[in-house]
Amino acid sequence: MLIYNTTFHVEIKDARNFLIWLNECYIPEAEKNGDLQKPRILRILSHKEQDSECFSLQWEVEDSAALHNWHTSCGAALNAEMMKIFKDKVIGIPTLMEVIR
């Protein structure tokens, strides 16, 4: 089992709208093809900057092939939509992690 994590740095004034968009648009659309499962959003408390909020969106994914399938089928389009809506006010940093225990 792998964890696909994206850490988002969001300008403080856009943080509320970004969370609403993640919950109402991004997550439901990302779940449709079934490759990503069990989403959770976490607020990052360490490394807090004065003018931004940081969030982690985590998914369980079976393997890297499933993640690649998700990215090519809808992930790239969702990321493009995020950039269109939030422009440079949101930066996402993806990380793929393996569950050890």
PDB file of N, CA and C in Angstrom:
ATOM      1  N   MET A   1       0.851  -1.183   0.000  1.00  0.00           N
ATOM      2  CA  MET A   1       0.000   0.000   0.000  1.00  0.00           C
ATOM      3  C   MET A   1       0.890   1.237   0.000  1.00  0.00           C
ATOM      4  N   LEU A   2       0.496   2.223  -0.821  1.00  0.00           N
ATOM      5  CA  LEU A   2       1.228   3.481  -0.905  1.00  0.00           C
ATOM      6  C   LEU A   2       0.329   4.619  -0.432  1.00  0.00           C
ATOM      7  N   ILE A   3       0.956   5.681   0.018  1.00  0.00           N
ATOM      8  CA  ILE A   3       0.255   6.905   0.372  1.00  0.00           C
ATOM      9  C   ILE A   3       0.703   7.981  -0.608  1.00  0.00           C
ATOM     10  N   TYR A   4      -0.265   8.583  -1.282  1.00  0.00           N
ATOM     11  CA  TYR A   4       0.018   9.697  -2.174  1.00  0.00           C
ATOM     12  C   TYR A   4      -0.369  10.964  -1.430  1.00  0.00           C
ATOM     13  N   ASN A   5       0.623  11.762  -1.113  1.00  0.00           N
ATOM     14  CA  ASN A   5       0.439  12.970  -0.320  1.00  0.00           C
ATOM     15  C   ASN A   5       0.754  14.185  -1.174  1.00  0.00           C
ATOM     16  N   THR A   6      -0.071  15.205  -1.065  1.00  0.00           N
ATOM     17  CA  THR A   6       0.267  16.496  -1.640  1.00  0.00           C
ATOM     18  C   THR A   6       0.194  17.522  -0.528  1.00  0.00           C
ATOM     19  N   THR A   7       1.296  18.232  -0.327  1.00  0.00           N
ATOM     20  CA  THR A   7       1.334  19.320   0.629  1.00  0.00           C
ATOM     21  C   THR A   7       1.048  20.603  -0.128  1.00  0.00           C
ATOM     22  N   PHE A   8       0.043  21.325   0.331  1.00  0.00           N
ATOM     23  CA  PHE A   8      -0.358  22.573  -0.311  1.00  0.00           C
ATOM     24  C   PHE A   8       0.001  23.754   0.575  1.00  0.00           C
ATOM     25  N   HIS A   9       0.656  24.736  -0.011  1.00  0.00           N
ATOM     26  CA  HIS A   9       0.899  26.020   0.635  1.00  0.00           C
ATOM     27  C   HIS A   9      -0.097  26.992   0.007  1.00  0.00           C
ATOM     28  N   VAL A  10      -0.937  27.587   0.860  1.00  0.00           N
ATOM     29  CA  VAL A  10      -2.040  28.419   0.388  1.00  0.00           C
ATOM     30  C   VAL A  10      -1.956  29.787   1.042  1.00  0.00           C
ATOM     31  N   GLU A  11      -2.133  30.833   0.258  1.00  0.00           N
ATOM     32  CA  GLU A  11      -2.184  32.170   0.848  1.00  0.00           C
ATOM     33  C   GLU A  11      -3.314  32.214   1.862  1.00  0.00           C
ATOM     34  N   ILE A  12      -3.056  32.848   2.995  1.00  0.00           N
ATOM     35  CA  ILE A  12      -3.978  32.825   4.130  1.00  0.00           C
ATOM     36  C   ILE A  12      -5.384  33.298   3.738  1.00  0.00           C
ATOM     37  N   LYS A  13      -5.485  34.307   2.895  1.00  0.00           N
ATOM     38  CA  LYS A  13      -6.803  34.831   2.529  1.00  0.00           C
ATOM     39  C   LYS A  13      -7.598  33.892   1.625  1.00  0.00           C
ATOM     40  N   ASP A  14      -6.933  32.907   1.029  1.00  0.00           N
ATOM     41  CA  ASP A  14      -7.596  31.959   0.142  1.00  0.00           C
ATOM     42  C   ASP A  14      -7.774  30.571   0.772  1.00  0.00           C
ATOM     43  N   ALA A  15      -7.312  30.386   1.989  1.00  0.00           N
ATOM     44  CA  ALA A  15      -7.302  29.058   2.616  1.00  0.00           C
ATOM     45  C   ALA A  15      -8.712  28.484   2.769  1.00  0.00           C
ATOM     46  N   ARG A  16      -9.653  29.274   3.228  1.00  0.00           N
ATOM     47  CA  ARG A  16     -11.019  28.769   3.433  1.00  0.00           C
ATOM     48  C   ARG A  16     -11.630  28.318   2.107  1.00  0.00           C
ATOM     49  N   ASN A  17     -11.522  29.158   1.068  1.00  0.00           N
ATOM     50  CA  ASN A  17     -12.076  28.796  -0.240  1.00  0.00           C
ATOM     51  C   ASN A  17     -11.376  27.574  -0.829  1.00  0.00           C
ATOM     52  N   PHE A  18     -10.082  27.468  -0.587  1.00  0.00           N
ATOM     53  CA  PHE A  18      -9.346  26.315  -1.089  1.00  0.00           C
ATOM     54  C   PHE A  18      -9.843  25.026  -0.438  1.00  0.00           C
ATOM     55  N   LEU A  19     -10.058  25.037   0.872  1.00  0.00           N
ATOM     56  CA  LEU A  19     -10.573  23.842   1.559  1.00  0.00           C
ATOM     57  C   LEU A  19     -11.968  23.468   1.064  1.00  0.00           C
ATOM     58  N   ILE A  20     -12.796  24.468   0.845  1.00  0.00           N
ATOM     59  CA  ILE A  20     -14.137  24.200   0.298  1.00  0.00           C
ATOM     60  C   ILE A  20     -14.008  23.551  -1.075  1.00  0.00           C
ATOM     61  N   TRP A  21     -13.138  24.086  -1.924  1.00  0.00           N
ATOM     62  CA  TRP A  21     -12.951  23.535  -3.267  1.00  0.00           C
ATOM     63  C   TRP A  21     -12.409  22.111  -3.212  1.00  0.00           C
ATOM     64  N   LEU A  22     -11.440  21.851  -2.312  1.00  0.00           N
ATOM     65  CA  LEU A  22     -10.920  20.485  -2.168  1.00  0.00           C
ATOM     66  C   LEU A  22     -12.045  19.518  -1.820  1.00  0.00           C
ATOM     67  N   ASN A  23     -12.864  19.881  -0.843  1.00  0.00           N
ATOM     68  CA  ASN A  23     -13.925  18.994  -0.362  1.00  0.00           C
ATOM     69  C   ASN A  23     -15.077  18.832  -1.348  1.00  0.00           C
ATOM     70  N   GLU A  24     -15.455  19.898  -2.008  1.00  0.00           N
ATOM     71  CA  GLU A  24     -16.644  19.849  -2.863  1.00  0.00           C
ATOM     72  C   GLU A  24     -16.351  19.513  -4.324  1.00  0.00           C
ATOM     73  N   CYS A  25     -15.155  19.785  -4.788  1.00  0.00           N
ATOM     74  CA  CYS A  25     -14.838  19.578  -6.211  1.00  0.00           C
ATOM     75  C   CYS A  25     -13.718  18.563  -6.421  1.00  0.00           C
ATOM     76  N   TYR A  26     -12.556  18.859  -5.864  1.00  0.00           N
ATOM     77  CA  TYR A  26     -11.369  18.056  -6.147  1.00  0.00           C
ATOM     78  C   TYR A  26     -11.517  16.604  -5.679  1.00  0.00           C
ATOM     79  N   ILE A  27     -11.839  16.415  -4.415  1.00  0.00           N
ATOM     80  CA  ILE A  27     -11.909  15.055  -3.863  1.00  0.00           C
ATOM     81  C   ILE A  27     -12.990  14.217  -4.541  1.00  0.00           C
ATOM     82  N   PRO A  28     -14.226  14.718  -4.684  1.00  0.00           N
ATOM     83  CA  PRO A  28     -15.240  13.889  -5.369  1.00  0.00           C
ATOM     84  C   PRO A  28     -14.827  13.505  -6.788  1.00  0.00           C
ATOM     85  N   GLU A  29     -14.215  14.424  -7.518  1.00  0.00           N
ATOM     86  CA  GLU A  29     -13.790  14.128  -8.887  1.00  0.00           C
ATOM     87  C   GLU A  29     -12.632  13.132  -8.894  1.00  0.00           C
ATOM     88  N   ALA A  30     -11.693  13.294  -7.967  1.00  0.00           N
ATOM     89  CA  ALA A  30     -10.521  12.411  -7.900  1.00  0.00           C
ATOM     90  C   ALA A  30     -10.909  10.977  -7.529  1.00  0.00           C
ATOM     91  N   GLU A  31     -11.987  10.810  -6.778  1.00  0.00           N
ATOM     92  CA  GLU A  31     -12.418   9.479  -6.348  1.00  0.00           C
ATOM     93  C   GLU A  31     -13.148   8.696  -7.436  1.00  0.00           C
ATOM     94  N   LYS A  32     -13.597   9.357  -8.478  1.00  0.00           N
ATOM     95  CA  LYS A  32     -14.477   8.722  -9.462  1.00  0.00           C
ATOM     96  C   LYS A  32     -13.893   7.490 -10.135  1.00  0.00           C
ATOM     97  N   ASN A  33     -12.593   7.486 -10.462  1.00  0.00           N
ATOM     98  CA  ASN A  33     -12.072   6.315 -11.189  1.00  0.00           C
ATOM     99  C   ASN A  33     -11.665   5.179 -10.255  1.00  0.00           C
ATOM    100  N   GLY A  34     -11.663   5.411  -8.937  1.00  0.00           N
ATOM    101  CA  GLY A  34     -11.437   4.342  -7.976  1.00  0.00           C
ATOM    102  C   GLY A  34      -9.990   4.023  -7.635  1.00  0.00           C
ATOM    103  N   ASP A  35      -9.036   4.674  -8.285  1.00  0.00           N
ATOM    104  CA  ASP A  35      -7.628   4.384  -7.986  1.00  0.00           C
ATOM    105  C   ASP A  35      -7.177   4.967  -6.660  1.00  0.00           C
ATOM    106  N   LEU A  36      -7.655   6.155  -6.330  1.00  0.00           N
ATOM    107  CA  LEU A  36      -7.304   6.791  -5.053  1.00  0.00           C
ATOM    108  C   LEU A  36      -8.441   6.546  -4.068  1.00  0.00           C
ATOM    109  N   GLN A  37      -8.063   6.202  -2.836  1.00  0.00           N
ATOM    110  CA  GLN A  37      -9.076   5.862  -1.832  1.00  0.00           C
ATOM    111  C   GLN A  37      -8.744   6.504  -0.492  1.00  0.00           C
ATOM    112  N   LYS A  38      -9.763   6.611   0.344  1.00  0.00           N
ATOM    113  CA  LYS A  38      -9.653   7.082   1.724  1.00  0.00           C
ATOM    114  C   LYS A  38      -8.923   8.423   1.843  1.00  0.00           C
ATOM    115  N   PRO A  39      -9.471   9.464   1.218  1.00  0.00           N
ATOM    116  CA  PRO A  39      -8.814  10.768   1.319  1.00  0.00           C
ATOM    117  C   PRO A  39      -8.917  11.347   2.726  1.00  0.00           C
ATOM    118  N   ARG A  40      -7.903  12.079   3.082  1.00  0.00           N
ATOM    119  CA  ARG A  40      -7.982  12.840   4.326  1.00  0.00           C
ATOM    120  C   ARG A  40      -7.177  14.126   4.149  1.00  0.00           C
ATOM    121  N   ILE A  41      -7.703  15.174   4.761  1.00  0.00           N
ATOM    122  CA  ILE A  41      -7.054  16.482   4.714  1.00  0.00           C
ATOM    123  C   ILE A  41      -6.555  16.792   6.119  1.00  0.00           C
ATOM    124  N   LEU A  42      -5.317  17.205   6.194  1.00  0.00           N
ATOM    125  CA  LEU A  42      -4.706  17.550   7.475  1.00  0.00           C
ATOM    126  C   LEU A  42      -4.149  18.964   7.409  1.00  0.00           C
ATOM    127  N   ARG A  43      -4.242  19.676   8.497  1.00  0.00           N
ATOM    128  CA  ARG A  43      -3.611  20.984   8.600  1.00  0.00           C
ATOM    129  C   ARG A  43      -2.201  20.766   9.147  1.00  0.00           C
ATOM    130  N   ILE A  44      -1.220  21.353   8.511  1.00  0.00           N
ATOM    131  CA  ILE A  44       0.160  21.218   8.958  1.00  0.00           C
ATOM    132  C   ILE A  44       0.450  22.331   9.959  1.00  0.00           C
ATOM    133  N   LEU A  45       0.865  21.944  11.142  1.00  0.00           N
ATOM    134  CA  LEU A  45       1.092  22.906  12.217  1.00  0.00           C
ATOM    135  C   LEU A  45       2.548  23.353  12.317  1.00  0.00           C
ATOM    136  N   SER A  46       3.461  22.506  11.919  1.00  0.00           N
ATOM    137  CA  SER A  46       4.872  22.891  11.964  1.00  0.00           C
ATOM    138  C   SER A  46       5.215  23.723  10.729  1.00  0.00           C
ATOM    139  N   HIS A  47       6.249  24.486  10.804  1.00  0.00           N
ATOM    140  CA  HIS A  47       6.733  25.307   9.691  1.00  0.00           C
ATOM    141  C   HIS A  47       5.674  26.296   9.214  1.00  0.00           C
ATOM    142  N   LYS A  48       4.894  26.800  10.147  1.00  0.00           N
ATOM    143  CA  LYS A  48       3.832  27.740   9.803  1.00  0.00           C
ATOM    144  C   LYS A  48       4.431  29.106   9.471  1.00  0.00           C
ATOM    145  N   GLU A  49       3.974  29.650   8.354  1.00  0.00           N
ATOM    146  CA  GLU A  49       4.399  30.975   7.939  1.00  0.00           C
ATOM    147  C   GLU A  49       3.262  31.957   8.193  1.00  0.00           C
ATOM    148  N   GLN A  50       3.606  33.191   8.381  1.00  0.00           N
ATOM    149  CA  GLN A  50       2.628  34.208   8.762  1.00  0.00           C
ATOM    150  C   GLN A  50       1.559  34.453   7.694  1.00  0.00           C
ATOM    151  N   ASP A  51       1.921  34.379   6.440  1.00  0.00           N
ATOM    152  CA  ASP A  51       0.995  34.738   5.376  1.00  0.00           C
ATOM    153  C   ASP A  51       0.405  33.547   4.624  1.00  0.00           C
ATOM    154  N   SER A  52       0.595  32.333   5.144  1.00  0.00           N
ATOM    155  CA  SER A  52       0.057  31.164   4.446  1.00  0.00           C
ATOM    156  C   SER A  52      -0.385  30.090   5.429  1.00  0.00           C
ATOM    157  N   GLU A  53      -1.205  29.180   4.918  1.00  0.00           N
ATOM    158  CA  GLU A  53      -1.609  27.978   5.640  1.00  0.00           C
ATOM    159  C   GLU A  53      -1.084  26.806   4.839  1.00  0.00           C
ATOM    160  N   CYS A  54      -0.795  25.706   5.520  1.00  0.00           N
ATOM    161  CA  CYS A  54      -0.329  24.502   4.838  1.00  0.00           C
ATOM    162  C   CYS A  54      -1.267  23.344   5.161  1.00  0.00           C
ATOM    163  N   PHE A  55      -1.604  22.591   4.131  1.00  0.00           N
ATOM    164  CA  PHE A  55      -2.483  21.441   4.263  1.00  0.00           C
ATOM    165  C   PHE A  55      -1.848  20.244   3.569  1.00  0.00           C
ATOM    166  N   SER A  56      -2.192  19.072   4.053  1.00  0.00           N
ATOM    167  CA  SER A  56      -1.765  17.829   3.433  1.00  0.00           C
ATOM    168  C   SER A  56      -3.019  17.072   3.009  1.00  0.00           C
ATOM    169  N   LEU A  57      -3.069  16.688   1.739  1.00  0.00           N
ATOM    170  CA  LEU A  57      -4.140  15.834   1.235  1.00  0.00           C
ATOM    171  C   LEU A  57      -3.522  14.475   0.972  1.00  0.00           C
ATOM    172  N   GLN A  58      -4.004  13.454   1.689  1.00  0.00           N
ATOM    173  CA  GLN A  58      -3.432  12.116   1.582  1.00  0.00           C
ATOM    174  C   GLN A  58      -4.473  11.134   1.047  1.00  0.00           C
ATOM    175  N   TRP A  59      -3.973  10.221   0.221  1.00  0.00           N
ATOM    176  CA  TRP A  59      -4.796   9.162  -0.370  1.00  0.00           C
ATOM    177  C   TRP A  59      -4.079   7.831  -0.209  1.00  0.00           C
ATOM    178  N   GLU A  60      -4.835   6.769  -0.108  1.00  0.00           N
ATOM    179  CA  GLU A  60      -4.266   5.434  -0.232  1.00  0.00           C
ATOM    180  C   GLU A  60      -4.367   5.031  -1.697  1.00  0.00           C
ATOM    181  N   VAL A  61      -3.303   4.401  -2.198  1.00  0.00           N
ATOM    182  CA  VAL A  61      -3.280   3.932  -3.577  1.00  0.00           C
ATOM    183  C   VAL A  61      -2.555   2.593  -3.601  1.00  0.00           C
ATOM    184  N   GLU A  62      -3.054   1.663  -4.390  1.00  0.00           N
ATOM    185  CA  GLU A  62      -2.536   0.287  -4.395  1.00  0.00           C
ATOM    186  C   GLU A  62      -1.071   0.214  -4.820  1.00  0.00           C
ATOM    187  N   ASP A  63      -0.730   0.888  -5.916  1.00  0.00           N
ATOM    188  CA  ASP A  63       0.651   0.835  -6.417  1.00  0.00           C
ATOM    189  C   ASP A  63       0.898   2.027  -7.330  1.00  0.00           C
ATOM    190  N   SER A  64       2.133   2.160  -7.807  1.00  0.00           N
ATOM    191  CA  SER A  64       2.481   3.313  -8.634  1.00  0.00           C
ATOM    192  C   SER A  64       1.778   3.265  -9.996  1.00  0.00           C
ATOM    193  N   ALA A  65       1.447   2.083 -10.496  1.00  0.00           N
ATOM    194  CA  ALA A  65       0.709   1.978 -11.760  1.00  0.00           C
ATOM    195  C   ALA A  65      -0.693   2.583 -11.607  1.00  0.00           C
ATOM    196  N   ALA A  66      -1.346   2.326 -10.485  1.00  0.00           N
ATOM    197  CA  ALA A  66      -2.672   2.894 -10.232  1.00  0.00           C
ATOM    198  C   ALA A  66      -2.584   4.419 -10.110  1.00  0.00           C
ATOM    199  N   LEU A  67      -1.533   4.902  -9.464  1.00  0.00           N
ATOM    200  CA  LEU A  67      -1.345   6.346  -9.343  1.00  0.00           C
ATOM    201  C   LEU A  67      -1.122   6.967 -10.722  1.00  0.00           C
ATOM    202  N   HIS A  68      -0.320   6.321 -11.538  1.00  0.00           N
ATOM    203  CA  HIS A  68      -0.073   6.817 -12.897  1.00  0.00           C
ATOM    204  C   HIS A  68      -1.379   6.836 -13.696  1.00  0.00           C
ATOM    205  N   ASN A  69      -2.181   5.787 -13.573  1.00  0.00           N
ATOM    206  CA  ASN A  69      -3.471   5.732 -14.250  1.00  0.00           C
ATOM    207  C   ASN A  69      -4.358   6.892 -13.812  1.00  0.00           C
ATOM    208  N   TRP A  70      -4.417   7.139 -12.500  1.00  0.00           N
ATOM    209  CA  TRP A  70      -5.227   8.244 -11.989  1.00  0.00           C
ATOM    210  C   TRP A  70      -4.724   9.573 -12.537  1.00  0.00           C
ATOM    211  N   HIS A  71      -3.404   9.759 -12.509  1.00  0.00           N
ATOM    212  CA  HIS A  71      -2.836  11.035 -12.948  1.00  0.00           C
ATOM    213  C   HIS A  71      -3.146  11.307 -14.422  1.00  0.00           C
ATOM    214  N   THR A  72      -3.027  10.287 -15.249  1.00  0.00           N
ATOM    215  CA  THR A  72      -3.281  10.496 -16.680  1.00  0.00           C
ATOM    216  C   THR A  72      -4.770  10.598 -17.002  1.00  0.00           C
ATOM    217  N   SER A  73      -5.622   9.907 -16.238  1.00  0.00           N
ATOM    218  CA  SER A  73      -7.055   9.937 -16.533  1.00  0.00           C
ATOM    219  C   SER A  73      -7.750  11.178 -15.983  1.00  0.00           C
ATOM    220  N   CYS A  74      -7.316  11.687 -14.823  1.00  0.00           N
ATOM    221  CA  CYS A  74      -8.001  12.881 -14.299  1.00  0.00           C
ATOM    222  C   CYS A  74      -7.113  13.782 -13.453  1.00  0.00           C
ATOM    223  N   GLY A  75      -6.047  13.280 -12.894  1.00  0.00           N
ATOM    224  CA  GLY A  75      -5.218  14.080 -11.992  1.00  0.00           C
ATOM    225  C   GLY A  75      -4.617  15.305 -12.647  1.00  0.00           C
ATOM    226  N   ALA A  76      -4.089  15.156 -13.841  1.00  0.00           N
ATOM    227  CA  ALA A  76      -3.482  16.292 -14.534  1.00  0.00           C
ATOM    228  C   ALA A  76      -4.530  17.371 -14.818  1.00  0.00           C
ATOM    229  N   ALA A  77      -5.732  16.971 -15.211  1.00  0.00           N
ATOM    230  CA  ALA A  77      -6.799  17.934 -15.482  1.00  0.00           C
ATOM    231  C   ALA A  77      -7.241  18.643 -14.202  1.00  0.00           C
ATOM    232  N   LEU A  78      -7.319  17.908 -13.092  1.00  0.00           N
ATOM    233  CA  LEU A  78      -7.688  18.527 -11.816  1.00  0.00           C
ATOM    234  C   LEU A  78      -6.634  19.538 -11.370  1.00  0.00           C
ATOM    235  N   ASN A  79      -5.376  19.195 -11.550  1.00  0.00           N
ATOM    236  CA  ASN A  79      -4.313  20.129 -11.184  1.00  0.00           C
ATOM    237  C   ASN A  79      -4.349  21.373 -12.062  1.00  0.00           C
ATOM    238  N   ALA A  80      -4.659  21.205 -13.342  1.00  0.00           N
ATOM    239  CA  ALA A  80      -4.781  22.354 -14.244  1.00  0.00           C
ATOM    240  C   ALA A  80      -5.954  23.245 -13.824  1.00  0.00           C
ATOM    241  N   GLU A  81      -7.058  22.616 -13.409  1.00  0.00           N
ATOM    242  CA  GLU A  81      -8.212  23.381 -12.941  1.00  0.00           C
ATOM    243  C   GLU A  81      -7.862  24.159 -11.678  1.00  0.00           C
ATOM    244  N   MET A  82      -7.122  23.523 -10.764  1.00  0.00           N
ATOM    245  CA  MET A  82      -6.696  24.201  -9.537  1.00  0.00           C
ATOM    246  C   MET A  82      -5.854  25.432  -9.881  1.00  0.00           C
ATOM    247  N   MET A  83      -4.933  25.285 -10.834  1.00  0.00           N
ATOM    248  CA  MET A  83      -4.081  26.406 -11.228  1.00  0.00           C
ATOM    249  C   MET A  83      -4.907  27.516 -11.887  1.00  0.00           C
ATOM    250  N   LYS A  84      -5.919  27.138 -12.630  1.00  0.00           N
ATOM    251  CA  LYS A  84      -6.786  28.121 -13.281  1.00  0.00           C
ATOM    252  C   LYS A  84      -7.560  28.928 -12.241  1.00  0.00           C
ATOM    253  N   ILE A  85      -8.053  28.245 -11.211  1.00  0.00           N
ATOM    254  CA  ILE A  85      -8.866  28.902 -10.185  1.00  0.00           C
ATOM    255  C   ILE A  85      -8.007  29.710  -9.214  1.00  0.00           C
ATOM    256  N   PHE A  86      -6.946  29.086  -8.693  1.00  0.00           N
ATOM    257  CA  PHE A  86      -6.176  29.706  -7.607  1.00  0.00           C
ATOM    258  C   PHE A  86      -4.865  30.346  -8.060  1.00  0.00           C
ATOM    259  N   LYS A  87      -4.493  30.136  -9.314  1.00  0.00           N
ATOM    260  CA  LYS A  87      -3.281  30.699  -9.898  1.00  0.00           C
ATOM    261  C   LYS A  87      -2.064  30.462  -9.010  1.00  0.00           C
ATOM    262  N   ASP A  88      -1.338  31.513  -8.664  1.00  0.00           N
ATOM    263  CA  ASP A  88      -0.116  31.356  -7.871  1.00  0.00           C
ATOM    264  C   ASP A  88      -0.373  31.445  -6.363  1.00  0.00           C
ATOM    265  N   LYS A  89      -1.631  31.378  -5.951  1.00  0.00           N
ATOM    266  CA  LYS A  89      -1.975  31.467  -4.533  1.00  0.00           C
ATOM    267  C   LYS A  89      -1.913  30.118  -3.828  1.00  0.00           C
ATOM    268  N   VAL A  90      -1.739  29.045  -4.626  1.00  0.00           N
ATOM    269  CA  VAL A  90      -1.628  27.691  -4.089  1.00  0.00           C
ATOM    270  C   VAL A  90      -0.451  27.001  -4.772  1.00  0.00           C
ATOM    271  N   ILE A  91       0.389  26.380  -3.969  1.00  0.00           N
ATOM    272  CA  ILE A  91       1.493  25.584  -4.498  1.00  0.00           C
ATOM    273  C   ILE A  91       1.349  24.179  -3.918  1.00  0.00           C
ATOM    274  N   GLY A  92       1.362  23.162  -4.773  1.00  0.00           N
ATOM    275  CA  GLY A  92       1.259  21.775  -4.328  1.00  0.00           C
ATOM    276  C   GLY A  92       2.564  21.030  -4.533  1.00  0.00           C
ATOM    277  N   ILE A  93       2.965  20.285  -3.515  1.00  0.00           N
ATOM    278  CA  ILE A  93       4.190  19.485  -3.581  1.00  0.00           C
ATOM    279  C   ILE A  93       3.814  18.027  -3.329  1.00  0.00           C
ATOM    280  N   PRO A  94       3.829  17.180  -4.378  1.00  0.00           N
ATOM    281  CA  PRO A  94       3.427  15.775  -4.216  1.00  0.00           C
ATOM    282  C   PRO A  94       4.562  14.905  -3.676  1.00  0.00           C
ATOM    283  N   THR A  95       4.171  13.893  -2.905  1.00  0.00           N
ATOM    284  CA  THR A  95       5.108  12.913  -2.357  1.00  0.00           C
ATOM    285  C   THR A  95       4.430  11.547  -2.389  1.00  0.00           C
ATOM    286  N   LEU A  96       5.161  10.546  -2.826  1.00  0.00           N
ATOM    287  CA  LEU A  96       4.665   9.177  -2.795  1.00  0.00           C
ATOM    288  C   LEU A  96       5.418   8.422  -1.706  1.00  0.00           C
ATOM    289  N   MET A  97       4.669   7.808  -0.794  1.00  0.00           N
ATOM    290  CA  MET A  97       5.261   7.139   0.360  1.00  0.00           C
ATOM    291  C   MET A  97       4.776   5.688   0.430  1.00  0.00           C
ATOM    292  N   GLU A  98       5.600   4.836   0.946  1.00  0.00           N
ATOM    293  CA  GLU A  98       5.251   3.423   1.135  1.00  0.00           C
ATOM    294  C   GLU A  98       4.944   3.181   2.613  1.00  0.00           C
ATOM    295  N   VAL A  99       3.826   2.510   2.875  1.00  0.00           N
ATOM    296  CA  VAL A  99       3.463   2.146   4.241  1.00  0.00           C
ATOM    297  C   VAL A  99       4.354   0.964   4.663  1.00  0.00           C
ATOM    298  N   ILE A 100       5.089   1.131   5.738  1.00  0.00           N
ATOM    299  CA  ILE A 100       5.961   0.070   6.258  1.00  0.00           C
ATOM    300  C   ILE A 100       5.225  -0.762   7.301  1.00  0.00           C
ATOM    301  N   ARG A 101       4.485  -0.107   8.140  1.00  0.00           N
ATOM    302  CA  ARG A 101       3.766  -0.804   9.198  1.00  0.00           C
ATOM    303  C   ARG A 101       2.404  -0.207   9.412  1.00  0.00           C
TER     304      ARG A 101
END
